[in-house]
Amino acid sequence: MKKVLLISVLILGMSLFFASRASASILRPFGGLVLLSPIPGGLCAGYGPFSIKPVNTAPASPYSVIAPNPYMAKNVVYPGVWILGMYSPTTSPVGCNTTSTPSSPYPAFPVTIYGTSLLP
């Protein structure tokens, strides 16, 4: 009986651990107002980094559009525009660097923008 209880607790603990790890990689929705675009001192491979004032639980931190959608090619995001999108809850220094010499990785939340308040 003790072995069954021990195995049950072990399986439950491991499933909670892996569930928390998996939820960190899931994209989360957000919306907000672009305050500053681009942020001085940072340079990203796609667009950004942007300073965004979120309206939900997303952190107020730099965001970077690493892989822009076709809509972003026609409509560049600028201050005062409202955006909707999905962000990754883990910062990624892969696509952004500082503009200083020597440059160093610049952590920003990767984001996919699905729409803006701009009219096409």
PDB file of N, CA and C in Angstrom:
ATOM      1  N   MET A   1       0.819  -1.192   0.000  1.00  0.00           N
ATOM      2  CA  MET A   1       0.000   0.000   0.000  1.00  0.00           C
ATOM      3  C   MET A   1       0.866   1.261   0.000  1.00  0.00           C
ATOM      4  N   LYS A   2       1.963   1.234   0.760  1.00  0.00           N
ATOM      5  CA  LYS A   2       2.851   2.394   0.810  1.00  0.00           C
ATOM      6  C   LYS A   2       3.517   2.625  -0.535  1.00  0.00           C
ATOM      7  N   LYS A   3       3.834   1.521  -1.252  1.00  0.00           N
ATOM      8  CA  LYS A   3       4.467   1.656  -2.560  1.00  0.00           C
ATOM      9  C   LYS A   3       3.513   2.311  -3.554  1.00  0.00           C
ATOM     10  N   VAL A   4       2.255   1.942  -3.503  1.00  0.00           N
ATOM     11  CA  VAL A   4       1.259   2.523  -4.407  1.00  0.00           C
ATOM     12  C   VAL A   4       1.111   4.010  -4.130  1.00  0.00           C
ATOM     13  N   LEU A   5       1.063   4.392  -2.869  1.00  0.00           N
ATOM     14  CA  LEU A   5       0.953   5.792  -2.489  1.00  0.00           C
ATOM     15  C   LEU A   5       2.198   6.567  -2.921  1.00  0.00           C
ATOM     16  N   LEU A   6       3.355   5.991  -2.732  1.00  0.00           N
ATOM     17  CA  LEU A   6       4.603   6.644  -3.129  1.00  0.00           C
ATOM     18  C   LEU A   6       4.668   6.834  -4.641  1.00  0.00           C
ATOM     19  N   ILE A   7       4.305   5.822  -5.388  1.00  0.00           N
ATOM     20  CA  ILE A   7       4.308   5.909  -6.842  1.00  0.00           C
ATOM     21  C   ILE A   7       3.282   6.934  -7.316  1.00  0.00           C
ATOM     22  N   SER A   8       2.128   6.994  -6.684  1.00  0.00           N
ATOM     23  CA  SER A   8       1.095   7.974  -7.046  1.00  0.00           C
ATOM     24  C   SER A   8       1.577   9.396  -6.826  1.00  0.00           C
ATOM     25  N   VAL A   9       2.198   9.637  -5.693  1.00  0.00           N
ATOM     26  CA  VAL A   9       2.723  10.972  -5.385  1.00  0.00           C
ATOM     27  C   VAL A   9       3.841  11.338  -6.352  1.00  0.00           C
ATOM     28  N   LEU A  10       4.686  10.394  -6.686  1.00  0.00           N
ATOM     29  CA  LEU A  10       5.773  10.634  -7.621  1.00  0.00           C
ATOM     30  C   LEU A  10       5.242  10.975  -9.016  1.00  0.00           C
ATOM     31  N   ILE A  11       4.260  10.247  -9.488  1.00  0.00           N
ATOM     32  CA  ILE A  11       3.666  10.510 -10.803  1.00  0.00           C
ATOM     33  C   ILE A  11       2.969  11.867 -10.823  1.00  0.00           C
ATOM     34  N   LEU A  12       2.247  12.188  -9.762  1.00  0.00           N
ATOM     35  CA  LEU A  12       1.575  13.481  -9.668  1.00  0.00           C
ATOM     36  C   LEU A  12       2.585  14.626  -9.665  1.00  0.00           C
ATOM     37  N   GLY A  13       3.656  14.476  -8.902  1.00  0.00           N
ATOM     38  CA  GLY A  13       4.693  15.505  -8.859  1.00  0.00           C
ATOM     39  C   GLY A  13       5.362  15.721 -10.199  1.00  0.00           C
ATOM     40  N   MET A  14       5.686  14.642 -10.885  1.00  0.00           N
ATOM     41  CA  MET A  14       6.325  14.752 -12.188  1.00  0.00           C
ATOM     42  C   MET A  14       5.387  15.362 -13.221  1.00  0.00           C
ATOM     43  N   SER A  15       4.112  15.005 -13.173  1.00  0.00           N
ATOM     44  CA  SER A  15       3.163  15.583 -14.139  1.00  0.00           C
ATOM     45  C   SER A  15       2.986  17.075 -13.904  1.00  0.00           C
ATOM     46  N   LEU A  16       2.973  17.513 -12.661  1.00  0.00           N
ATOM     47  CA  LEU A  16       2.886  18.950 -12.375  1.00  0.00           C
ATOM     48  C   LEU A  16       4.142  19.679 -12.842  1.00  0.00           C
ATOM     49  N   PHE A  17       5.297  19.085 -12.661  1.00  0.00           N
ATOM     50  CA  PHE A  17       6.548  19.683 -13.109  1.00  0.00           C
ATOM     51  C   PHE A  17       6.558  19.866 -14.622  1.00  0.00           C
ATOM     52  N   PHE A  18       6.212  18.817 -15.367  1.00  0.00           N
ATOM     53  CA  PHE A  18       6.225  18.904 -16.822  1.00  0.00           C
ATOM     54  C   PHE A  18       5.126  19.818 -17.351  1.00  0.00           C
ATOM     55  N   ALA A  19       3.999  19.885 -16.669  1.00  0.00           N
ATOM     56  CA  ALA A  19       2.928  20.792 -17.092  1.00  0.00           C
ATOM     57  C   ALA A  19       3.358  22.244 -16.941  1.00  0.00           C
ATOM     58  N   SER A  20       4.070  22.550 -15.878  1.00  0.00           N
ATOM     59  CA  SER A  20       4.533  23.927 -15.693  1.00  0.00           C
ATOM     60  C   SER A  20       5.581  24.294 -16.732  1.00  0.00           C
ATOM     61  N   ARG A  21       6.428  23.353 -17.112  1.00  0.00           N
ATOM     62  CA  ARG A  21       7.430  23.601 -18.149  1.00  0.00           C
ATOM     63  C   ARG A  21       6.768  23.814 -19.503  1.00  0.00           C
ATOM     64  N   ALA A  22       5.741  23.045 -19.792  1.00  0.00           N
ATOM     65  CA  ALA A  22       5.060  23.158 -21.075  1.00  0.00           C
ATOM     66  C   ALA A  22       4.298  24.472 -21.178  1.00  0.00           C
ATOM     67  N   SER A  23       3.724  24.937 -20.080  1.00  0.00           N
ATOM     68  CA  SER A  23       2.950  26.176 -20.131  1.00  0.00           C
ATOM     69  C   SER A  23       3.846  27.390 -20.349  1.00  0.00           C
ATOM     70  N   ALA A  24       5.121  27.307 -20.026  1.00  0.00           N
ATOM     71  CA  ALA A  24       6.035  28.429 -20.233  1.00  0.00           C
ATOM     72  C   ALA A  24       6.312  28.661 -21.712  1.00  0.00           C
ATOM     73  N   SER A  25       6.142  27.641 -22.550  1.00  0.00           N
ATOM     74  CA  SER A  25       6.421  27.798 -23.967  1.00  0.00           C
ATOM     75  C   SER A  25       5.179  28.111 -24.786  1.00  0.00           C
ATOM     76  N   ILE A  26       4.022  28.181 -24.171  1.00  0.00           N
ATOM     77  CA  ILE A  26       2.779  28.463 -24.880  1.00  0.00           C
ATOM     78  C   ILE A  26       2.644  29.967 -25.080  1.00  0.00           C
ATOM     79  N   LEU A  27       2.308  30.369 -26.295  1.00  0.00           N
ATOM     80  CA  LEU A  27       2.099  31.785 -26.575  1.00  0.00           C
ATOM     81  C   LEU A  27       0.859  32.280 -25.855  1.00  0.00           C
ATOM     82  N   ARG A  28       0.921  33.512 -25.379  1.00  0.00           N
ATOM     83  CA  ARG A  28      -0.193  34.090 -24.625  1.00  0.00           C
ATOM     84  C   ARG A  28      -0.677  35.352 -25.331  1.00  0.00           C
ATOM     85  N   PRO A  29      -1.997  35.593 -25.311  1.00  0.00           N
ATOM     86  CA  PRO A  29      -2.526  36.777 -25.986  1.00  0.00           C
ATOM     87  C   PRO A  29      -2.248  38.050 -25.202  1.00  0.00           C
ATOM     88  N   PHE A  30      -2.120  39.146 -25.918  1.00  0.00           N
ATOM     89  CA  PHE A  30      -1.957  40.438 -25.269  1.00  0.00           C
ATOM     90  C   PHE A  30      -2.392  41.539 -26.230  1.00  0.00           C
ATOM     91  N   GLY A  31      -2.631  42.677 -25.665  1.00  0.00           N
ATOM     92  CA  GLY A  31      -2.944  43.873 -26.431  1.00  0.00           C
ATOM     93  C   GLY A  31      -2.388  45.059 -25.671  1.00  0.00           C
ATOM     94  N   GLY A  32      -2.112  46.113 -26.381  1.00  0.00           N
ATOM     95  CA  GLY A  32      -1.585  47.276 -25.696  1.00  0.00           C
ATOM     96  C   GLY A  32      -1.313  48.435 -26.617  1.00  0.00           C
ATOM     97  N   LEU A  33      -0.865  49.516 -26.008  1.00  0.00           N
ATOM     98  CA  LEU A  33      -0.564  50.750 -26.695  1.00  0.00           C
ATOM     99  C   LEU A  33       0.947  50.875 -26.877  1.00  0.00           C
ATOM    100  N   VAL A  34       1.384  51.125 -28.098  1.00  0.00           N
ATOM    101  CA  VAL A  34       2.805  51.295 -28.372  1.00  0.00           C
ATOM    102  C   VAL A  34       3.225  52.673 -27.855  1.00  0.00           C
ATOM    103  N   LEU A  35       4.191  52.680 -26.929  1.00  0.00           N
ATOM    104  CA  LEU A  35       4.667  53.930 -26.346  1.00  0.00           C
ATOM    105  C   LEU A  35       5.887  54.473 -27.068  1.00  0.00           C
ATOM    106  N   LEU A  36       6.810  53.598 -27.418  1.00  0.00           N
ATOM    107  CA  LEU A  36       8.054  54.025 -28.038  1.00  0.00           C
ATOM    108  C   LEU A  36       8.478  52.978 -29.059  1.00  0.00           C
ATOM    109  N   SER A  37       8.767  53.413 -30.261  1.00  0.00           N
ATOM    110  CA  SER A  37       9.132  52.474 -31.311  1.00  0.00           C
ATOM    111  C   SER A  37      10.126  53.125 -32.246  1.00  0.00           C
ATOM    112  N   PRO A  38      11.265  52.596 -32.449  1.00  0.00           N
ATOM    113  CA  PRO A  38      11.927  51.578 -31.649  1.00  0.00           C
ATOM    114  C   PRO A  38      12.568  52.197 -30.405  1.00  0.00           C
ATOM    115  N   ILE A  39      12.876  51.357 -29.445  1.00  0.00           N
ATOM    116  CA  ILE A  39      13.521  51.807 -28.213  1.00  0.00           C
ATOM    117  C   ILE A  39      14.969  52.172 -28.542  1.00  0.00           C
ATOM    118  N   PRO A  40      15.417  53.356 -28.162  1.00  0.00           N
ATOM    119  CA  PRO A  40      16.807  53.725 -28.430  1.00  0.00           C
ATOM    120  C   PRO A  40      17.790  52.783 -27.728  1.00  0.00           C
ATOM    121  N   GLY A  41      18.858  52.454 -28.410  1.00  0.00           N
ATOM    122  CA  GLY A  41      19.886  51.591 -27.828  1.00  0.00           C
ATOM    123  C   GLY A  41      19.685  50.126 -28.109  1.00  0.00           C
ATOM    124  N   GLY A  42      18.594  49.759 -28.783  1.00  0.00           N
ATOM    125  CA  GLY A  42      18.343  48.360 -29.105  1.00  0.00           C
ATOM    126  C   GLY A  42      18.089  48.188 -30.592  1.00  0.00           C
ATOM    127  N   LEU A  43      18.493  47.066 -31.130  1.00  0.00           N
ATOM    128  CA  LEU A  43      18.303  46.774 -32.544  1.00  0.00           C
ATOM    129  C   LEU A  43      17.930  45.309 -32.672  1.00  0.00           C
ATOM    130  N   CYS A  44      16.824  45.036 -33.363  1.00  0.00           N
ATOM    131  CA  CYS A  44      16.346  43.655 -33.514  1.00  0.00           C
ATOM    132  C   CYS A  44      16.370  43.237 -34.979  1.00  0.00           C
ATOM    133  N   ALA A  45      16.382  41.933 -35.189  1.00  0.00           N
ATOM    134  CA  ALA A  45      16.428  41.393 -36.544  1.00  0.00           C
ATOM    135  C   ALA A  45      15.140  41.688 -37.303  1.00  0.00           C
ATOM    136  N   GLY A  46      13.998  41.618 -36.644  1.00  0.00           N
ATOM    137  CA  GLY A  46      12.724  41.910 -37.292  1.00  0.00           C
ATOM    138  C   GLY A  46      12.369  43.369 -37.092  1.00  0.00           C
ATOM    139  N   TYR A  47      11.292  43.630 -36.381  1.00  0.00           N
ATOM    140  CA  TYR A  47      10.881  44.979 -36.008  1.00  0.00           C
ATOM    141  C   TYR A  47      11.066  45.138 -34.514  1.00  0.00           C
ATOM    142  N   GLY A  48      11.469  46.313 -34.100  1.00  0.00           N
ATOM    143  CA  GLY A  48      11.545  46.550 -32.668  1.00  0.00           C
ATOM    144  C   GLY A  48      12.947  46.877 -32.219  1.00  0.00           C
ATOM    145  N   PRO A  49      13.153  46.921 -30.946  1.00  0.00           N
ATOM    146  CA  PRO A  49      12.225  46.600 -29.857  1.00  0.00           C
ATOM    147  C   PRO A  49      11.228  47.727 -29.607  1.00  0.00           C
ATOM    148  N   PHE A  50      10.011  47.337 -29.247  1.00  0.00           N
ATOM    149  CA  PHE A  50       8.926  48.256 -28.948  1.00  0.00           C
ATOM    150  C   PHE A  50       8.723  48.342 -27.452  1.00  0.00           C
ATOM    151  N   SER A  51       8.343  49.511 -26.980  1.00  0.00           N
ATOM    152  CA  SER A  51       7.896  49.661 -25.603  1.00  0.00           C
ATOM    153  C   SER A  51       6.376  49.725 -25.658  1.00  0.00           C
ATOM    154  N   ILE A  52       5.716  48.784 -24.998  1.00  0.00           N
ATOM    155  CA  ILE A  52       4.266  48.654 -25.076  1.00  0.00           C
ATOM    156  C   ILE A  52       3.662  48.722 -23.683  1.00  0.00           C
ATOM    157  N   LYS A  53       2.578  49.483 -23.551  1.00  0.00           N
ATOM    158  CA  LYS A  53       1.818  49.528 -22.296  1.00  0.00           C
ATOM    159  C   LYS A  53       0.683  48.510 -22.434  1.00  0.00           C
ATOM    160  N   PRO A  54       0.836  47.318 -21.832  1.00  0.00           N
ATOM    161  CA  PRO A  54      -0.177  46.272 -22.009  1.00  0.00           C
ATOM    162  C   PRO A  54      -1.450  46.575 -21.213  1.00  0.00           C
ATOM    163  N   VAL A  55      -2.566  46.032 -21.710  1.00  0.00           N
ATOM    164  CA  VAL A  55      -3.844  46.214 -21.021  1.00  0.00           C
ATOM    165  C   VAL A  55      -4.281  44.948 -20.288  1.00  0.00           C
ATOM    166  N   ASN A  56      -3.467  43.926 -20.315  1.00  0.00           N
ATOM    167  CA  ASN A  56      -3.797  42.704 -19.580  1.00  0.00           C
ATOM    168  C   ASN A  56      -2.623  42.351 -18.676  1.00  0.00           C
ATOM    169  N   THR A  57      -2.406  41.101 -18.411  1.00  0.00           N
ATOM    170  CA  THR A  57      -1.378  40.679 -17.461  1.00  0.00           C
ATOM    171  C   THR A  57       0.010  40.556 -18.073  1.00  0.00           C
ATOM    172  N   ALA A  58       0.172  40.925 -19.324  1.00  0.00           N
ATOM    173  CA  ALA A  58       1.496  40.864 -19.957  1.00  0.00           C
ATOM    174  C   ALA A  58       2.423  41.882 -19.295  1.00  0.00           C
ATOM    175  N   PRO A  59       3.703  41.566 -19.173  1.00  0.00           N
ATOM    176  CA  PRO A  59       4.628  42.495 -18.531  1.00  0.00           C
ATOM    177  C   PRO A  59       4.908  43.725 -19.403  1.00  0.00           C
ATOM    178  N   ALA A  60       5.112  44.858 -18.771  1.00  0.00           N
ATOM    179  CA  ALA A  60       5.471  46.086 -19.484  1.00  0.00           C
ATOM    180  C   ALA A  60       6.973  46.062 -19.714  1.00  0.00           C
ATOM    181  N   SER A  61       7.362  45.479 -20.792  1.00  0.00           N
ATOM    182  CA  SER A  61       8.770  45.258 -21.084  1.00  0.00           C
ATOM    183  C   SER A  61       8.969  45.361 -22.587  1.00  0.00           C
ATOM    184  N   PRO A  62      10.199  45.388 -23.075  1.00  0.00           N
ATOM    185  CA  PRO A  62      10.410  45.456 -24.525  1.00  0.00           C
ATOM    186  C   PRO A  62       9.867  44.220 -25.247  1.00  0.00           C
ATOM    187  N   TYR A  63       9.267  44.467 -26.407  1.00  0.00           N
ATOM    188  CA  TYR A  63       8.759  43.404 -27.265  1.00  0.00           C
ATOM    189  C   TYR A  63       9.450  43.516 -28.612  1.00  0.00           C
ATOM    190  N   SER A  64       9.632  42.401 -29.261  1.00  0.00           N
ATOM    191  CA  SER A  64      10.276  42.376 -30.559  1.00  0.00           C
ATOM    192  C   SER A  64       9.523  41.450 -31.491  1.00  0.00           C
ATOM    193  N   VAL A  65       9.252  41.923 -32.697  1.00  0.00           N
ATOM    194  CA  VAL A  65       8.611  41.088 -33.704  1.00  0.00           C
ATOM    195  C   VAL A  65       9.723  40.389 -34.467  1.00  0.00           C
ATOM    196  N   ILE A  66       9.992  39.150 -34.077  1.00  0.00           N
ATOM    197  CA  ILE A  66      11.084  38.395 -34.696  1.00  0.00           C
ATOM    198  C   ILE A  66      10.671  37.896 -36.090  1.00  0.00           C
ATOM    199  N   ALA A  67       9.482  37.343 -36.215  1.00  0.00           N
ATOM    200  CA  ALA A  67       8.997  36.833 -37.498  1.00  0.00           C
ATOM    201  C   ALA A  67       7.708  37.574 -37.844  1.00  0.00           C
ATOM    202  N   PRO A  68       7.811  38.708 -38.561  1.00  0.00           N
ATOM    203  CA  PRO A  68       6.613  39.494 -38.838  1.00  0.00           C
ATOM    204  C   PRO A  68       5.682  38.788 -39.813  1.00  0.00           C
ATOM    205  N   ASN A  69       4.389  39.049 -39.654  1.00  0.00           N
ATOM    206  CA  ASN A  69       3.415  38.513 -40.593  1.00  0.00           C
ATOM    207  C   ASN A  69       3.319  39.458 -41.794  1.00  0.00           C
ATOM    208  N   PRO A  70       2.660  39.074 -42.888  1.00  0.00           N
ATOM    209  CA  PRO A  70       2.592  39.927 -44.082  1.00  0.00           C
ATOM    210  C   PRO A  70       1.957  41.300 -43.809  1.00  0.00           C
ATOM    211  N   TYR A  71       1.064  41.390 -42.834  1.00  0.00           N
ATOM    212  CA  TYR A  71       0.420  42.662 -42.501  1.00  0.00           C
ATOM    213  C   TYR A  71       1.463  43.673 -42.026  1.00  0.00           C
ATOM    214  N   MET A  72       2.462  43.208 -41.278  1.00  0.00           N
ATOM    215  CA  MET A  72       3.484  44.104 -40.744  1.00  0.00           C
ATOM    216  C   MET A  72       4.366  44.679 -41.844  1.00  0.00           C
ATOM    217  N   ALA A  73       4.469  44.011 -42.978  1.00  0.00           N
ATOM    218  CA  ALA A  73       5.292  44.522 -44.070  1.00  0.00           C
ATOM    219  C   ALA A  73       4.683  45.794 -44.662  1.00  0.00           C
ATOM    220  N   LYS A  74       3.350  45.929 -44.596  1.00  0.00           N
ATOM    221  CA  LYS A  74       2.678  47.096 -45.159  1.00  0.00           C
ATOM    222  C   LYS A  74       2.439  48.191 -44.127  1.00  0.00           C
ATOM    223  N   ASN A  75       2.268  47.839 -42.868  1.00  0.00           N
ATOM    224  CA  ASN A  75       1.912  48.795 -41.828  1.00  0.00           C
ATOM    225  C   ASN A  75       2.919  48.721 -40.689  1.00  0.00           C
ATOM    226  N   VAL A  76       3.799  49.698 -40.627  1.00  0.00           N
ATOM    227  CA  VAL A  76       4.800  49.725 -39.576  1.00  0.00           C
ATOM    228  C   VAL A  76       4.161  50.268 -38.298  1.00  0.00           C
ATOM    229  N   VAL A  77       4.480  49.661 -37.189  1.00  0.00           N
ATOM    230  CA  VAL A  77       3.930  50.080 -35.909  1.00  0.00           C
ATOM    231  C   VAL A  77       4.693  51.302 -35.413  1.00  0.00           C
ATOM    232  N   TYR A  78       3.964  52.308 -34.946  1.00  0.00           N
ATOM    233  CA  TYR A  78       4.586  53.509 -34.411  1.00  0.00           C
ATOM    234  C   TYR A  78       3.857  53.927 -33.134  1.00  0.00           C
ATOM    235  N   PRO A  79       4.414  54.859 -32.349  1.00  0.00           N
ATOM    236  CA  PRO A  79       3.801  55.257 -31.084  1.00  0.00           C
ATOM    237  C   PRO A  79       2.361  55.752 -31.266  1.00  0.00           C
ATOM    238  N   GLY A  80       1.505  55.348 -30.322  1.00  0.00           N
ATOM    239  CA  GLY A  80       0.107  55.733 -30.350  1.00  0.00           C
ATOM    240  C   GLY A  80      -0.804  54.703 -30.993  1.00  0.00           C
ATOM    241  N   VAL A  81      -0.249  53.632 -31.542  1.00  0.00           N
ATOM    242  CA  VAL A  81      -1.029  52.588 -32.200  1.00  0.00           C
ATOM    243  C   VAL A  81      -1.342  51.488 -31.194  1.00  0.00           C
ATOM    244  N   TRP A  82      -2.568  50.998 -31.208  1.00  0.00           N
ATOM    245  CA  TRP A  82      -2.963  49.851 -30.385  1.00  0.00           C
ATOM    246  C   TRP A  82      -2.688  48.587 -31.173  1.00  0.00           C
ATOM    247  N   ILE A  83      -2.173  47.561 -30.498  1.00  0.00           N
ATOM    248  CA  ILE A  83      -1.870  46.306 -31.177  1.00  0.00           C
ATOM    249  C   ILE A  83      -2.504  45.132 -30.443  1.00  0.00           C
ATOM    250  N   LEU A  84      -2.751  44.075 -31.189  1.00  0.00           N
ATOM    251  CA  LEU A  84      -3.189  42.788 -30.647  1.00  0.00           C
ATOM    252  C   LEU A  84      -2.217  41.740 -31.143  1.00  0.00           C
ATOM    253  N   GLY A  85      -1.882  40.789 -30.285  1.00  0.00           N
ATOM    254  CA  GLY A  85      -0.956  39.757 -30.711  1.00  0.00           C
ATOM    255  C   GLY A  85      -0.789  38.667 -29.680  1.00  0.00           C
ATOM    256  N   MET A  86       0.205  37.856 -29.910  1.00  0.00           N
ATOM    257  CA  MET A  86       0.569  36.767 -29.006  1.00  0.00           C
ATOM    258  C   MET A  86       2.040  36.955 -28.664  1.00  0.00           C
ATOM    259  N   TYR A  87       2.366  36.740 -27.365  1.00  0.00           N
ATOM    260  CA  TYR A  87       3.755  36.869 -26.951  1.00  0.00           C
ATOM    261  C   TYR A  87       4.183  35.616 -26.215  1.00  0.00           C
ATOM    262  N   SER A  88       5.475  35.386 -26.223  1.00  0.00           N
ATOM    263  CA  SER A  88       6.052  34.279 -25.469  1.00  0.00           C
ATOM    264  C   SER A  88       6.424  34.799 -24.087  1.00  0.00           C
ATOM    265  N   PRO A  89       6.042  34.089 -23.015  1.00  0.00           N
ATOM    266  CA  PRO A  89       6.316  34.591 -21.665  1.00  0.00           C
ATOM    267  C   PRO A  89       7.777  34.509 -21.246  1.00  0.00           C
ATOM    268  N   THR A  90       8.646  33.995 -22.106  1.00  0.00           N
ATOM    269  CA  THR A  90      10.072  33.950 -21.779  1.00  0.00           C
ATOM    270  C   THR A  90      10.817  34.900 -22.711  1.00  0.00           C
ATOM    271  N   THR A  91      11.712  35.710 -22.152  1.00  0.00           N
ATOM    272  CA  THR A  91      12.463  36.646 -22.988  1.00  0.00           C
ATOM    273  C   THR A  91      13.448  35.883 -23.858  1.00  0.00           C
ATOM    274  N   SER A  92      13.712  36.447 -25.018  1.00  0.00           N
ATOM    275  CA  SER A  92      14.618  35.813 -25.964  1.00  0.00           C
ATOM    276  C   SER A  92      15.649  36.828 -26.436  1.00  0.00           C
ATOM    277  N   PRO A  93      16.919  36.650 -26.090  1.00  0.00           N
ATOM    278  CA  PRO A  93      17.938  37.575 -26.564  1.00  0.00           C
ATOM    279  C   PRO A  93      18.459  37.223 -27.954  1.00  0.00           C
ATOM    280  N   VAL A  94      17.820  36.277 -28.629  1.00  0.00           N
ATOM    281  CA  VAL A  94      18.343  35.767 -29.896  1.00  0.00           C
ATOM    282  C   VAL A  94      18.320  36.821 -30.995  1.00  0.00           C
ATOM    283  N   GLY A  95      17.223  37.553 -31.148  1.00  0.00           N
ATOM    284  CA  GLY A  95      17.089  38.455 -32.283  1.00  0.00           C
ATOM    285  C   GLY A  95      17.462  39.895 -32.022  1.00  0.00           C
ATOM    286  N   CYS A  96      17.790  40.287 -30.799  1.00  0.00           N
ATOM    287  CA  CYS A  96      18.056  41.695 -30.484  1.00  0.00           C
ATOM    288  C   CYS A  96      19.439  41.874 -29.867  1.00  0.00           C
ATOM    289  N   ASN A  97      20.056  43.002 -30.210  1.00  0.00           N
ATOM    290  CA  ASN A  97      21.356  43.377 -29.649  1.00  0.00           C
ATOM    291  C   ASN A  97      21.339  44.859 -29.310  1.00  0.00           C
ATOM    292  N   THR A  98      22.229  45.268 -28.427  1.00  0.00           N
ATOM    293  CA  THR A  98      22.383  46.680 -28.135  1.00  0.00           C
ATOM    294  C   THR A  98      23.186  47.330 -29.255  1.00  0.00           C
ATOM    295  N   THR A  99      23.039  48.637 -29.409  1.00  0.00           N
ATOM    296  CA  THR A  99      23.768  49.337 -30.470  1.00  0.00           C
ATOM    297  C   THR A  99      25.138  49.821 -30.012  1.00  0.00           C
ATOM    298  N   SER A 100      25.472  49.594 -28.745  1.00  0.00           N
ATOM    299  CA  SER A 100      26.773  50.026 -28.235  1.00  0.00           C
ATOM    300  C   SER A 100      27.882  49.099 -28.735  1.00  0.00           C
ATOM    301  N   THR A 101      29.102  49.552 -28.594  1.00  0.00           N
ATOM    302  CA  THR A 101      30.251  48.729 -28.992  1.00  0.00           C
ATOM    303  C   THR A 101      30.988  48.288 -27.746  1.00  0.00           C
ATOM    304  N   PRO A 102      31.229  47.032 -27.502  1.00  0.00           N
ATOM    305  CA  PRO A 102      30.755  45.873 -28.249  1.00  0.00           C
ATOM    306  C   PRO A 102      29.278  45.616 -27.955  1.00  0.00           C
ATOM    307  N   SER A 103      28.573  45.085 -28.923  1.00  0.00           N
ATOM    308  CA  SER A 103      27.134  44.839 -28.730  1.00  0.00           C
ATOM    309  C   SER A 103      26.936  43.605 -27.862  1.00  0.00           C
ATOM    310  N   SER A 104      25.837  43.608 -27.150  1.00  0.00           N
ATOM    311  CA  SER A 104      25.496  42.478 -26.289  1.00  0.00           C
ATOM    312  C   SER A 104      24.038  42.118 -26.516  1.00  0.00           C
ATOM    313  N   PRO A 105      23.622  40.900 -26.171  1.00  0.00           N
ATOM    314  CA  PRO A 105      22.226  40.510 -26.354  1.00  0.00           C
ATOM    315  C   PRO A 105      21.282  41.420 -25.574  1.00  0.00           C
ATOM    316  N   TYR A 106      20.154  41.721 -26.179  1.00  0.00           N
ATOM    317  CA  TYR A 106      19.147  42.602 -25.602  1.00  0.00           C
ATOM    318  C   TYR A 106      17.891  41.765 -25.384  1.00  0.00           C
ATOM    319  N   PRO A 107      17.531  41.453 -24.140  1.00  0.00           N
ATOM    320  CA  PRO A 107      16.370  40.592 -23.922  1.00  0.00           C
ATOM    321  C   PRO A 107      15.059  41.305 -24.239  1.00  0.00           C
ATOM    322  N   ALA A 108      14.231  40.657 -25.028  1.00  0.00           N
ATOM    323  CA  ALA A 108      12.918  41.180 -25.382  1.00  0.00           C
ATOM    324  C   ALA A 108      11.969  40.009 -25.548  1.00  0.00           C
ATOM    325  N   PHE A 109      10.686  40.267 -25.316  1.00  0.00           N
ATOM    326  CA  PHE A 109       9.688  39.219 -25.489  1.00  0.00           C
ATOM    327  C   PHE A 109       9.361  39.086 -26.972  1.00  0.00           C
ATOM    328  N   PRO A 110       9.532  37.890 -27.548  1.00  0.00           N
ATOM    329  CA  PRO A 110       9.143  37.694 -28.949  1.00  0.00           C
ATOM    330  C   PRO A 110       7.627  37.787 -29.082  1.00  0.00           C
ATOM    331  N   VAL A 111       7.174  38.449 -30.129  1.00  0.00           N
ATOM    332  CA  VAL A 111       5.738  38.673 -30.297  1.00  0.00           C
ATOM    333  C   VAL A 111       5.351  38.494 -31.756  1.00  0.00           C
ATOM    334  N   THR A 112       4.129  38.020 -31.957  1.00  0.00           N
ATOM    335  CA  THR A 112       3.509  37.980 -33.275  1.00  0.00           C
ATOM    336  C   THR A 112       2.330  38.931 -33.212  1.00  0.00           C
ATOM    337  N   ILE A 113       2.342  39.941 -34.056  1.00  0.00           N
ATOM    338  CA  ILE A 113       1.263  40.929 -34.062  1.00  0.00           C
ATOM    339  C   ILE A 113       0.229  40.501 -35.093  1.00  0.00           C
ATOM    340  N   TYR A 114      -1.031  40.387 -34.651  1.00  0.00           N
ATOM    341  CA  TYR A 114      -2.109  39.972 -35.528  1.00  0.00           C
ATOM    342  C   TYR A 114      -2.918  41.143 -36.062  1.00  0.00           C
ATOM    343  N   GLY A 115      -2.890  42.260 -35.371  1.00  0.00           N
ATOM    344  CA  GLY A 115      -3.652  43.409 -35.841  1.00  0.00           C
ATOM    345  C   GLY A 115      -3.272  44.666 -35.091  1.00  0.00           C
ATOM    346  N   THR A 116      -3.542  45.796 -35.732  1.00  0.00           N
ATOM    347  CA  THR A 116      -3.262  47.090 -35.123  1.00  0.00           C
ATOM    348  C   THR A 116      -4.488  47.976 -35.309  1.00  0.00           C
ATOM    349  N   SER A 117      -4.448  49.156 -34.695  1.00  0.00           N
ATOM    350  CA  SER A 117      -5.542  50.103 -34.866  1.00  0.00           C
ATOM    351  C   SER A 117      -5.381  50.923 -36.133  1.00  0.00           C
ATOM    352  N   LEU A 118      -4.332  50.650 -36.915  1.00  0.00           N
ATOM    353  CA  LEU A 118      -4.161  51.315 -38.204  1.00  0.00           C
ATOM    354  C   LEU A 118      -5.181  50.768 -39.192  1.00  0.00           C
ATOM    355  N   LEU A 119      -5.659  51.618 -40.052  1.00  0.00           N
ATOM    356  CA  LEU A 119      -6.558  51.147 -41.116  1.00  0.00           C
ATOM    357  C   LEU A 119      -5.712  50.826 -42.335  1.00  0.00           C
ATOM    358  N   PRO A 120      -5.914  49.636 -42.937  1.00  0.00           N
ATOM    359  CA  PRO A 120      -5.106  49.274 -44.128  1.00  0.00           C
ATOM    360  C   PRO A 120      -5.460  50.101 -45.345  1.00  0.00           C
TER     361      PRO A 120
END
